[in-house]
Amino acid sequence: MAAKLKKGDKVVVLAGKDKGKEGTISSVDPKAGKAVVDGVNVAIRATRQSQTSQGGRIPKPMPIQLSNLAYLDKNGKPTRVGFKIEDGKKVRIAKTTGDVIDA
């Protein structure tokens, strides 16, 4: 199945402790159905000091389910993502407006 949400997409969280927060997707794991969004679902991880990095309590963004994310269109409104064939090419479209997402 094609990816409805991709790296670099601006999304809003629909459910969970970070509901309503917006961010940009930094990585997607399609097999697990999860994505890491900057500034959302951040956990504090304690790490030991090494020669290259400082130790201590470091905030780390954790993966969030793709079903709990919605794409933000040009107007800044959350929308679902669909697919359409245009000029023999499969493109993503915003369901609310019908606009092509990736031109």
PDB file of N, CA and C in Angstrom:
ATOM      1  N   MET A   1       0.839  -1.187   0.000  1.00  0.00           N
ATOM      2  CA  MET A   1       0.000   0.000   0.000  1.00  0.00           C
ATOM      3  C   MET A   1       0.884   1.251   0.000  1.00  0.00           C
ATOM      4  N   ALA A   2       0.475   2.243  -0.757  1.00  0.00           N
ATOM      5  CA  ALA A   2       1.256   3.470  -0.859  1.00  0.00           C
ATOM      6  C   ALA A   2       1.165   4.269   0.435  1.00  0.00           C
ATOM      7  N   ALA A   3       2.209   5.038   0.700  1.00  0.00           N
ATOM      8  CA  ALA A   3       2.289   5.822   1.942  1.00  0.00           C
ATOM      9  C   ALA A   3       1.421   7.069   1.830  1.00  0.00           C
ATOM     10  N   LYS A   4       0.475   7.200   2.752  1.00  0.00           N
ATOM     11  CA  LYS A   4      -0.375   8.390   2.764  1.00  0.00           C
ATOM     12  C   LYS A   4       0.336   9.556   3.431  1.00  0.00           C
ATOM     13  N   LEU A   5       1.176   9.255   4.417  1.00  0.00           N
ATOM     14  CA  LEU A   5       1.979  10.287   5.078  1.00  0.00           C
ATOM     15  C   LEU A   5       3.446   9.991   4.841  1.00  0.00           C
ATOM     16  N   LYS A   6       4.204  11.013   4.481  1.00  0.00           N
ATOM     17  CA  LYS A   6       5.619  10.837   4.159  1.00  0.00           C
ATOM     18  C   LYS A   6       6.480  11.769   4.999  1.00  0.00           C
ATOM     19  N   LYS A   7       7.789  11.530   4.958  1.00  0.00           N
ATOM     20  CA  LYS A   7       8.760  12.364   5.648  1.00  0.00           C
ATOM     21  C   LYS A   7       8.654  13.795   5.128  1.00  0.00           C
ATOM     22  N   GLY A   8       8.618  14.750   6.056  1.00  0.00           N
ATOM     23  CA  GLY A   8       8.533  16.154   5.663  1.00  0.00           C
ATOM     24  C   GLY A   8       7.119  16.711   5.658  1.00  0.00           C
ATOM     25  N   ASP A   9       6.092  15.848   5.784  1.00  0.00           N
ATOM     26  CA  ASP A   9       4.704  16.317   5.821  1.00  0.00           C
ATOM     27  C   ASP A   9       4.423  17.028   7.140  1.00  0.00           C
ATOM     28  N   LYS A  10       3.623  18.090   7.076  1.00  0.00           N
ATOM     29  CA  LYS A  10       3.182  18.786   8.285  1.00  0.00           C
ATOM     30  C   LYS A  10       1.893  18.118   8.735  1.00  0.00           C
ATOM     31  N   VAL A  11       1.870  17.661   9.998  1.00  0.00           N
ATOM     32  CA  VAL A  11       0.727  16.905  10.515  1.00  0.00           C
ATOM     33  C   VAL A  11       0.259  17.454  11.854  1.00  0.00           C
ATOM     34  N   VAL A  12      -0.962  17.052  12.242  1.00  0.00           N
ATOM     35  CA  VAL A  12      -1.521  17.384  13.553  1.00  0.00           C
ATOM     36  C   VAL A  12      -1.892  16.067  14.234  1.00  0.00           C
ATOM     37  N   VAL A  13      -1.727  16.018  15.562  1.00  0.00           N
ATOM     38  CA  VAL A  13      -2.036  14.808  16.331  1.00  0.00           C
ATOM     39  C   VAL A  13      -3.524  14.806  16.669  1.00  0.00           C
ATOM     40  N   LEU A  14      -4.214  13.684  16.389  1.00  0.00           N
ATOM     41  CA  LEU A  14      -5.651  13.572  16.600  1.00  0.00           C
ATOM     42  C   LEU A  14      -6.014  12.978  17.956  1.00  0.00           C
ATOM     43  N   ALA A  15      -5.124  12.150  18.525  1.00  0.00           N
ATOM     44  CA  ALA A  15      -5.453  11.472  19.779  1.00  0.00           C
ATOM     45  C   ALA A  15      -4.209  11.299  20.627  1.00  0.00           C
ATOM     46  N   GLY A  16      -4.415  11.137  21.929  1.00  0.00           N
ATOM     47  CA  GLY A  16      -3.307  10.902  22.845  1.00  0.00           C
ATOM     48  C   GLY A  16      -2.974  12.119  23.674  1.00  0.00           C
ATOM     49  N   LYS A  17      -1.871  12.029  24.415  1.00  0.00           N
ATOM     50  CA  LYS A  17      -1.501  13.114  25.331  1.00  0.00           C
ATOM     51  C   LYS A  17      -1.090  14.387  24.604  1.00  0.00           C
ATOM     52  N   ASP A  18      -0.684  14.273  23.353  1.00  0.00           N
ATOM     53  CA  ASP A  18      -0.264  15.442  22.572  1.00  0.00           C
ATOM     54  C   ASP A  18      -1.319  15.877  21.563  1.00  0.00           C
ATOM     55  N   LYS A  19      -2.587  15.578  21.837  1.00  0.00           N
ATOM     56  CA  LYS A  19      -3.676  15.906  20.927  1.00  0.00           C
ATOM     57  C   LYS A  19      -3.695  17.401  20.606  1.00  0.00           C
ATOM     58  N   GLY A  20      -3.782  17.730  19.317  1.00  0.00           N
ATOM     59  CA  GLY A  20      -3.832  19.125  18.887  1.00  0.00           C
ATOM     60  C   GLY A  20      -2.481  19.710  18.528  1.00  0.00           C
ATOM     61  N   LYS A  21      -1.393  19.043  18.917  1.00  0.00           N
ATOM     62  CA  LYS A  21      -0.062  19.560  18.605  1.00  0.00           C
ATOM     63  C   LYS A  21       0.254  19.329  17.127  1.00  0.00           C
ATOM     64  N   GLU A  22       1.030  20.267  16.562  1.00  0.00           N
ATOM     65  CA  GLU A  22       1.435  20.167  15.160  1.00  0.00           C
ATOM     66  C   GLU A  22       2.929  19.938  15.078  1.00  0.00           C
ATOM     67  N   GLY A  23       3.366  19.299  13.998  1.00  0.00           N
ATOM     68  CA  GLY A  23       4.785  19.056  13.797  1.00  0.00           C
ATOM     69  C   GLY A  23       5.052  18.511  12.411  1.00  0.00           C
ATOM     70  N   THR A  24       6.324  18.309  12.124  1.00  0.00           N
ATOM     71  CA  THR A  24       6.751  17.771  10.842  1.00  0.00           C
ATOM     72  C   THR A  24       7.277  16.358  11.039  1.00  0.00           C
ATOM     73  N   ILE A  25       6.914  15.469  10.129  1.00  0.00           N
ATOM     74  CA  ILE A  25       7.356  14.081  10.226  1.00  0.00           C
ATOM     75  C   ILE A  25       8.840  14.013   9.890  1.00  0.00           C
ATOM     76  N   SER A  26       9.636  13.415  10.807  1.00  0.00           N
ATOM     77  CA  SER A  26      11.071  13.277  10.563  1.00  0.00           C
ATOM     78  C   SER A  26      11.431  11.892  10.049  1.00  0.00           C
ATOM     79  N   SER A  27      10.626  10.871  10.383  1.00  0.00           N
ATOM     80  CA  SER A  27      10.849   9.531   9.830  1.00  0.00           C
ATOM     81  C   SER A  27       9.563   8.716   9.924  1.00  0.00           C
ATOM     82  N   VAL A  28       9.422   7.743   9.006  1.00  0.00           N
ATOM     83  CA  VAL A  28       8.242   6.888   8.954  1.00  0.00           C
ATOM     84  C   VAL A  28       8.683   5.435   8.918  1.00  0.00           C
ATOM     85  N   ASP A  29       8.008   4.586   9.695  1.00  0.00           N
ATOM     86  CA  ASP A  29       8.230   3.138   9.647  1.00  0.00           C
ATOM     87  C   ASP A  29       6.937   2.503   9.139  1.00  0.00           C
ATOM     88  N   PRO A  30       6.829   2.266   7.816  1.00  0.00           N
ATOM     89  CA  PRO A  30       5.575   1.761   7.256  1.00  0.00           C
ATOM     90  C   PRO A  30       5.216   0.352   7.730  1.00  0.00           C
ATOM     91  N   LYS A  31       6.234  -0.456   8.031  1.00  0.00           N
ATOM     92  CA  LYS A  31       5.977  -1.824   8.478  1.00  0.00           C
ATOM     93  C   LYS A  31       5.262  -1.824   9.834  1.00  0.00           C
ATOM     94  N   ALA A  32       5.700  -0.968  10.745  1.00  0.00           N
ATOM     95  CA  ALA A  32       5.093  -0.867  12.073  1.00  0.00           C
ATOM     96  C   ALA A  32       3.893   0.082  12.080  1.00  0.00           C
ATOM     97  N   GLY A  33       3.743   0.892  11.022  1.00  0.00           N
ATOM     98  CA  GLY A  33       2.640   1.853  10.959  1.00  0.00           C
ATOM     99  C   GLY A  33       2.817   3.011  11.915  1.00  0.00           C
ATOM    100  N   LYS A  34       4.080   3.425  12.108  1.00  0.00           N
ATOM    101  CA  LYS A  34       4.377   4.510  13.040  1.00  0.00           C
ATOM    102  C   LYS A  34       5.252   5.568  12.385  1.00  0.00           C
ATOM    103  N   ALA A  35       5.239   6.759  12.972  1.00  0.00           N
ATOM    104  CA  ALA A  35       6.064   7.856  12.483  1.00  0.00           C
ATOM    105  C   ALA A  35       6.603   8.637  13.669  1.00  0.00           C
ATOM    106  N   VAL A  36       7.757   9.258  13.484  1.00  0.00           N
ATOM    107  CA  VAL A  36       8.343  10.133  14.499  1.00  0.00           C
ATOM    108  C   VAL A  36       8.090  11.570  14.048  1.00  0.00           C
ATOM    109  N   VAL A  37       7.407  12.331  14.907  1.00  0.00           N
ATOM    110  CA  VAL A  37       7.064  13.722  14.602  1.00  0.00           C
ATOM    111  C   VAL A  37       7.862  14.625  15.541  1.00  0.00           C
ATOM    112  N   ASP A  38       8.498  15.658  14.983  1.00  0.00           N
ATOM    113  CA  ASP A  38       9.304  16.580  15.782  1.00  0.00           C
ATOM    114  C   ASP A  38       8.444  17.301  16.818  1.00  0.00           C
ATOM    115  N   GLY A  39       8.876  17.272  18.085  1.00  0.00           N
ATOM    116  CA  GLY A  39       8.203  17.989  19.152  1.00  0.00           C
ATOM    117  C   GLY A  39       6.944  17.329  19.687  1.00  0.00           C
ATOM    118  N   VAL A  40       6.640  16.112  19.220  1.00  0.00           N
ATOM    119  CA  VAL A  40       5.436  15.409  19.652  1.00  0.00           C
ATOM    120  C   VAL A  40       5.828  14.058  20.243  1.00  0.00           C
ATOM    121  N   ASN A  41       5.145  13.650  21.329  1.00  0.00           N
ATOM    122  CA  ASN A  41       5.396  12.369  21.991  1.00  0.00           C
ATOM    123  C   ASN A  41       6.854  12.257  22.430  1.00  0.00           C
ATOM    124  N   VAL A  42       7.326  13.284  23.136  1.00  0.00           N
ATOM    125  CA  VAL A  42       8.719  13.342  23.572  1.00  0.00           C
ATOM    126  C   VAL A  42       8.858  12.672  24.936  1.00  0.00           C
ATOM    127  N   ALA A  43       9.824  11.752  25.032  1.00  0.00           N
ATOM    128  CA  ALA A  43      10.117  11.067  26.287  1.00  0.00           C
ATOM    129  C   ALA A  43      11.506  11.479  26.748  1.00  0.00           C
ATOM    130  N   ILE A  44      11.725  11.477  28.058  1.00  0.00           N
ATOM    131  CA  ILE A  44      13.038  11.805  28.611  1.00  0.00           C
ATOM    132  C   ILE A  44      13.802  10.498  28.798  1.00  0.00           C
ATOM    133  N   ARG A  45      14.954  10.400  28.162  1.00  0.00           N
ATOM    134  CA  ARG A  45      15.775   9.203  28.254  1.00  0.00           C
ATOM    135  C   ARG A  45      17.070   9.538  28.981  1.00  0.00           C
ATOM    136  N   ALA A  46      17.422   8.713  29.953  1.00  0.00           N
ATOM    137  CA  ALA A  46      18.676   8.910  30.677  1.00  0.00           C
ATOM    138  C   ALA A  46      19.768   8.141  29.936  1.00  0.00           C
ATOM    139  N   THR A  47      20.848   8.839  29.588  1.00  0.00           N
ATOM    140  CA  THR A  47      21.946   8.196  28.864  1.00  0.00           C
ATOM    141  C   THR A  47      23.254   8.411  29.610  1.00  0.00           C
ATOM    142  N   ARG A  48      24.144   7.451  29.462  1.00  0.00           N
ATOM    143  CA  ARG A  48      25.460   7.573  30.084  1.00  0.00           C
ATOM    144  C   ARG A  48      26.346   8.462  29.223  1.00  0.00           C
ATOM    145  N   GLN A  49      27.310   9.064  29.869  1.00  0.00           N
ATOM    146  CA  GLN A  49      28.262   9.902  29.167  1.00  0.00           C
ATOM    147  C   GLN A  49      29.240   9.014  28.401  1.00  0.00           C
ATOM    148  N   SER A  50      29.585   9.438  27.190  1.00  0.00           N
ATOM    149  CA  SER A  50      30.597   8.721  26.407  1.00  0.00           C
ATOM    150  C   SER A  50      31.622   9.739  25.920  1.00  0.00           C
ATOM    151  N   GLN A  51      32.593   9.260  25.171  1.00  0.00           N
ATOM    152  CA  GLN A  51      33.627  10.171  24.680  1.00  0.00           C
ATOM    153  C   GLN A  51      33.063  11.176  23.686  1.00  0.00           C
ATOM    154  N   THR A  52      32.018  10.785  22.966  1.00  0.00           N
ATOM    155  CA  THR A  52      31.469  11.662  21.935  1.00  0.00           C
ATOM    156  C   THR A  52      30.296  12.513  22.408  1.00  0.00           C
ATOM    157  N   SER A  53      29.509  11.999  23.377  1.00  0.00           N
ATOM    158  CA  SER A  53      28.308  12.746  23.770  1.00  0.00           C
ATOM    159  C   SER A  53      28.227  12.948  25.279  1.00  0.00           C
ATOM    160  N   GLN A  54      27.543  14.010  25.656  1.00  0.00           N
ATOM    161  CA  GLN A  54      27.315  14.339  27.060  1.00  0.00           C
ATOM    162  C   GLN A  54      26.211  13.431  27.599  1.00  0.00           C
ATOM    163  N   GLY A  55      26.344  12.980  28.816  1.00  0.00           N
ATOM    164  CA  GLY A  55      25.319  12.146  29.432  1.00  0.00           C
ATOM    165  C   GLY A  55      24.236  12.985  30.063  1.00  0.00           C
ATOM    166  N   GLY A  56      23.245  12.339  30.650  1.00  0.00           N
ATOM    167  CA  GLY A  56      22.193  13.053  31.353  1.00  0.00           C
ATOM    168  C   GLY A  56      20.825  12.683  30.831  1.00  0.00           C
ATOM    169  N   ARG A  57      19.855  13.544  31.145  1.00  0.00           N
ATOM    170  CA  ARG A  57      18.476  13.310  30.715  1.00  0.00           C
ATOM    171  C   ARG A  57      18.250  14.017  29.388  1.00  0.00           C
ATOM    172  N   ILE A  58      18.056  13.241  28.348  1.00  0.00           N
ATOM    173  CA  ILE A  58      17.949  13.792  26.997  1.00  0.00           C
ATOM    174  C   ILE A  58      16.539  13.553  26.457  1.00  0.00           C
ATOM    175  N   PRO A  59      15.847  14.626  25.987  1.00  0.00           N
ATOM    176  CA  PRO A  59      14.521  14.434  25.393  1.00  0.00           C
ATOM    177  C   PRO A  59      14.642  13.744  24.031  1.00  0.00           C
ATOM    178  N   LYS A  60      13.812  12.720  23.812  1.00  0.00           N
ATOM    179  CA  LYS A  60      13.865  11.953  22.571  1.00  0.00           C
ATOM    180  C   LYS A  60      12.449  11.783  22.027  1.00  0.00           C
ATOM    181  N   PRO A  61      12.186  12.193  20.784  1.00  0.00           N
ATOM    182  CA  PRO A  61      10.848  11.991  20.211  1.00  0.00           C
ATOM    183  C   PRO A  61      10.609  10.509  19.942  1.00  0.00           C
ATOM    184  N   MET A  62       9.472   9.995  20.401  1.00  0.00           N
ATOM    185  CA  MET A  62       9.125   8.589  20.239  1.00  0.00           C
ATOM    186  C   MET A  62       8.111   8.433  19.098  1.00  0.00           C
ATOM    187  N   PRO A  63       8.036   7.227  18.516  1.00  0.00           N
ATOM    188  CA  PRO A  63       7.086   7.005  17.409  1.00  0.00           C
ATOM    189  C   PRO A  63       5.632   7.119  17.865  1.00  0.00           C
ATOM    190  N   ILE A  64       4.773   7.539  16.938  1.00  0.00           N
ATOM    191  CA  ILE A  64       3.336   7.664  17.188  1.00  0.00           C
ATOM    192  C   ILE A  64       2.608   6.971  16.038  1.00  0.00           C
ATOM    193  N   GLN A  65       1.458   6.360  16.337  1.00  0.00           N
ATOM    194  CA  GLN A  65       0.704   5.628  15.314  1.00  0.00           C
ATOM    195  C   GLN A  65       0.281   6.565  14.182  1.00  0.00           C
ATOM    196  N   LEU A  66       0.350   6.081  12.932  1.00  0.00           N
ATOM    197  CA  LEU A  66      -0.051   6.877  11.776  1.00  0.00           C
ATOM    198  C   LEU A  66      -1.546   7.207  11.814  1.00  0.00           C
ATOM    199  N   SER A  67      -2.336   6.326  12.434  1.00  0.00           N
ATOM    200  CA  SER A  67      -3.780   6.561  12.505  1.00  0.00           C
ATOM    201  C   SER A  67      -4.121   7.734  13.413  1.00  0.00           C
ATOM    202  N   ASN A  68      -3.184   8.139  14.277  1.00  0.00           N
ATOM    203  CA  ASN A  68      -3.405   9.264  15.178  1.00  0.00           C
ATOM    204  C   ASN A  68      -2.895  10.582  14.592  1.00  0.00           C
ATOM    205  N   LEU A  69      -2.507  10.571  13.326  1.00  0.00           N
ATOM    206  CA  LEU A  69      -1.996  11.771  12.664  1.00  0.00           C
ATOM    207  C   LEU A  69      -2.891  12.144  11.487  1.00  0.00           C
ATOM    208  N   ALA A  70      -3.037  13.438  11.245  1.00  0.00           N
ATOM    209  CA  ALA A  70      -3.774  13.932  10.079  1.00  0.00           C
ATOM    210  C   ALA A  70      -2.920  14.966   9.359  1.00  0.00           C
ATOM    211  N   TYR A  71      -2.919  14.901   8.039  1.00  0.00           N
ATOM    212  CA  TYR A  71      -2.155  15.829   7.207  1.00  0.00           C
ATOM    213  C   TYR A  71      -2.745  17.234   7.310  1.00  0.00           C
ATOM    214  N   LEU A  72      -1.889  18.251   7.391  1.00  0.00           N
ATOM    215  CA  LEU A  72      -2.340  19.653   7.400  1.00  0.00           C
ATOM    216  C   LEU A  72      -2.211  20.208   5.983  1.00  0.00           C
ATOM    217  N   ASP A  73      -3.338  20.629   5.404  1.00  0.00           N
ATOM    218  CA  ASP A  73      -3.293  21.169   4.043  1.00  0.00           C
ATOM    219  C   ASP A  73      -2.819  22.621   4.045  1.00  0.00           C
ATOM    220  N   LYS A  74      -2.877  23.265   2.881  1.00  0.00           N
ATOM    221  CA  LYS A  74      -2.364  24.635   2.732  1.00  0.00           C
ATOM    222  C   LYS A  74      -3.045  25.620   3.676  1.00  0.00           C
ATOM    223  N   ASN A  75      -4.333  25.390   3.978  1.00  0.00           N
ATOM    224  CA  ASN A  75      -5.085  26.293   4.850  1.00  0.00           C
ATOM    225  C   ASN A  75      -4.798  26.051   6.327  1.00  0.00           C
ATOM    226  N   GLY A  76      -4.035  24.992   6.639  1.00  0.00           N
ATOM    227  CA  GLY A  76      -3.740  24.659   8.025  1.00  0.00           C
ATOM    228  C   GLY A  76      -4.825  23.842   8.684  1.00  0.00           C
ATOM    229  N   LYS A  77      -5.700  23.233   7.866  1.00  0.00           N
ATOM    230  CA  LYS A  77      -6.779  22.393   8.396  1.00  0.00           C
ATOM    231  C   LYS A  77      -6.421  20.924   8.228  1.00  0.00           C
ATOM    232  N   PRO A  78      -6.758  20.078   9.228  1.00  0.00           N
ATOM    233  CA  PRO A  78      -6.468  18.648   9.088  1.00  0.00           C
ATOM    234  C   PRO A  78      -7.364  18.009   8.031  1.00  0.00           C
ATOM    235  N   THR A  79      -6.782  17.116   7.253  1.00  0.00           N
ATOM    236  CA  THR A  79      -7.520  16.438   6.196  1.00  0.00           C
ATOM    237  C   THR A  79      -7.023  15.013   6.041  1.00  0.00           C
ATOM    238  N   ARG A  80      -7.859  14.170   5.463  1.00  0.00           N
ATOM    239  CA  ARG A  80      -7.430  12.822   5.126  1.00  0.00           C
ATOM    240  C   ARG A  80      -6.730  12.866   3.773  1.00  0.00           C
ATOM    241  N   VAL A  81      -5.983  11.817   3.479  1.00  0.00           N
ATOM    242  CA  VAL A  81      -5.217  11.767   2.242  1.00  0.00           C
ATOM    243  C   VAL A  81      -5.749  10.638   1.380  1.00  0.00           C
ATOM    244  N   GLY A  82      -5.950  10.946   0.087  1.00  0.00           N
ATOM    245  CA  GLY A  82      -6.387   9.936  -0.877  1.00  0.00           C
ATOM    246  C   GLY A  82      -5.454   9.923  -2.067  1.00  0.00           C
ATOM    247  N   PHE A  83      -5.758   9.067  -3.028  1.00  0.00           N
ATOM    248  CA  PHE A  83      -4.927   8.950  -4.217  1.00  0.00           C
ATOM    249  C   PHE A  83      -5.763   9.142  -5.465  1.00  0.00           C
ATOM    250  N   LYS A  84      -5.102   9.664  -6.515  1.00  0.00           N
ATOM    251  CA  LYS A  84      -5.751   9.889  -7.796  1.00  0.00           C
ATOM    252  C   LYS A  84      -4.702   9.713  -8.892  1.00  0.00           C
ATOM    253  N   ILE A  85      -5.129   9.224 -10.039  1.00  0.00           N
ATOM    254  CA  ILE A  85      -4.222   9.096 -11.177  1.00  0.00           C
ATOM    255  C   ILE A  85      -4.352  10.365 -12.024  1.00  0.00           C
ATOM    256  N   GLU A  86      -3.242  11.083 -12.185  1.00  0.00           N
ATOM    257  CA  GLU A  86      -3.219  12.283 -13.027  1.00  0.00           C
ATOM    258  C   GLU A  86      -2.072  12.170 -14.012  1.00  0.00           C
ATOM    259  N   ASP A  87      -2.379  12.267 -15.294  1.00  0.00           N
ATOM    260  CA  ASP A  87      -1.383  12.167 -16.374  1.00  0.00           C
ATOM    261  C   ASP A  87      -0.590  10.863 -16.266  1.00  0.00           C
ATOM    262  N   GLY A  88      -1.277   9.780 -15.920  1.00  0.00           N
ATOM    263  CA  GLY A  88      -0.626   8.471 -15.816  1.00  0.00           C
ATOM    264  C   GLY A  88       0.269   8.326 -14.596  1.00  0.00           C
ATOM    265  N   LYS A  89       0.143   9.243 -13.640  1.00  0.00           N
ATOM    266  CA  LYS A  89       0.962   9.224 -12.435  1.00  0.00           C
ATOM    267  C   LYS A  89       0.062   9.240 -11.212  1.00  0.00           C
ATOM    268  N   LYS A  90       0.389   8.411 -10.213  1.00  0.00           N
ATOM    269  CA  LYS A  90      -0.399   8.357  -8.988  1.00  0.00           C
ATOM    270  C   LYS A  90       0.046   9.476  -8.058  1.00  0.00           C
ATOM    271  N   VAL A  91      -0.888  10.343  -7.651  1.00  0.00           N
ATOM    272  CA  VAL A  91      -0.557  11.473  -6.785  1.00  0.00           C
ATOM    273  C   VAL A  91      -1.450  11.453  -5.546  1.00  0.00           C
ATOM    274  N   ARG A  92      -0.948  12.058  -4.469  1.00  0.00           N
ATOM    275  CA  ARG A  92      -1.732  12.185  -3.238  1.00  0.00           C
ATOM    276  C   ARG A  92      -2.599  13.436  -3.326  1.00  0.00           C
ATOM    277  N   ILE A  93      -3.839  13.322  -2.844  1.00  0.00           N
ATOM    278  CA  ILE A  93      -4.744  14.473  -2.835  1.00  0.00           C
ATOM    279  C   ILE A  93      -5.327  14.655  -1.433  1.00  0.00           C
ATOM    280  N   ALA A  94      -5.680  15.899  -1.099  1.00  0.00           N
ATOM    281  CA  ALA A  94      -6.364  16.199   0.159  1.00  0.00           C
ATOM    282  C   ALA A  94      -7.845  15.918  -0.048  1.00  0.00           C
ATOM    283  N   LYS A  95      -8.446  15.116   0.828  1.00  0.00           N
ATOM    284  CA  LYS A  95      -9.846  14.704   0.663  1.00  0.00           C
ATOM    285  C   LYS A  95     -10.819  15.874   0.802  1.00  0.00           C
ATOM    286  N   THR A  96     -10.514  16.846   1.668  1.00  0.00           N
ATOM    287  CA  THR A  96     -11.446  17.945   1.894  1.00  0.00           C
ATOM    288  C   THR A  96     -11.519  18.908   0.711  1.00  0.00           C
ATOM    289  N   THR A  97     -10.365  19.245   0.138  1.00  0.00           N
ATOM    290  CA  THR A  97     -10.341  20.243  -0.935  1.00  0.00           C
ATOM    291  C   THR A  97     -10.145  19.624  -2.315  1.00  0.00           C
ATOM    292  N   GLY A  98      -9.537  18.445  -2.385  1.00  0.00           N
ATOM    293  CA  GLY A  98      -9.256  17.820  -3.681  1.00  0.00           C
ATOM    294  C   GLY A  98      -7.959  18.313  -4.294  1.00  0.00           C
ATOM    295  N   ASP A  99      -7.201  19.134  -3.537  1.00  0.00           N
ATOM    296  CA  ASP A  99      -5.918  19.657  -4.044  1.00  0.00           C
ATOM    297  C   ASP A  99      -4.864  18.550  -4.086  1.00  0.00           C
ATOM    298  N   VAL A 100      -3.963  18.648  -5.068  1.00  0.00           N
ATOM    299  CA  VAL A 100      -2.847  17.706  -5.149  1.00  0.00           C
ATOM    300  C   VAL A 100      -1.808  18.105  -4.121  1.00  0.00           C
ATOM    301  N   ILE A 101      -1.346  17.121  -3.308  1.00  0.00           N
ATOM    302  CA  ILE A 101      -0.386  17.397  -2.251  1.00  0.00           C
ATOM    303  C   ILE A 101       1.020  17.497  -2.818  1.00  0.00           C
ATOM    304  N   ASP A 102       1.486  16.430  -3.491  1.00  0.00           N
ATOM    305  CA  ASP A 102       2.834  16.473  -4.056  1.00  0.00           C
ATOM    306  C   ASP A 102       2.737  16.668  -5.556  1.00  0.00           C
ATOM    307  N   ALA A 103       3.125  17.849  -5.998  1.00  0.00           N
ATOM    308  CA  ALA A 103       3.017  18.196  -7.426  1.00  0.00           C
ATOM    309  C   ALA A 103       4.211  17.697  -8.208  1.00  0.00           C
TER     310      ALA A 103
END
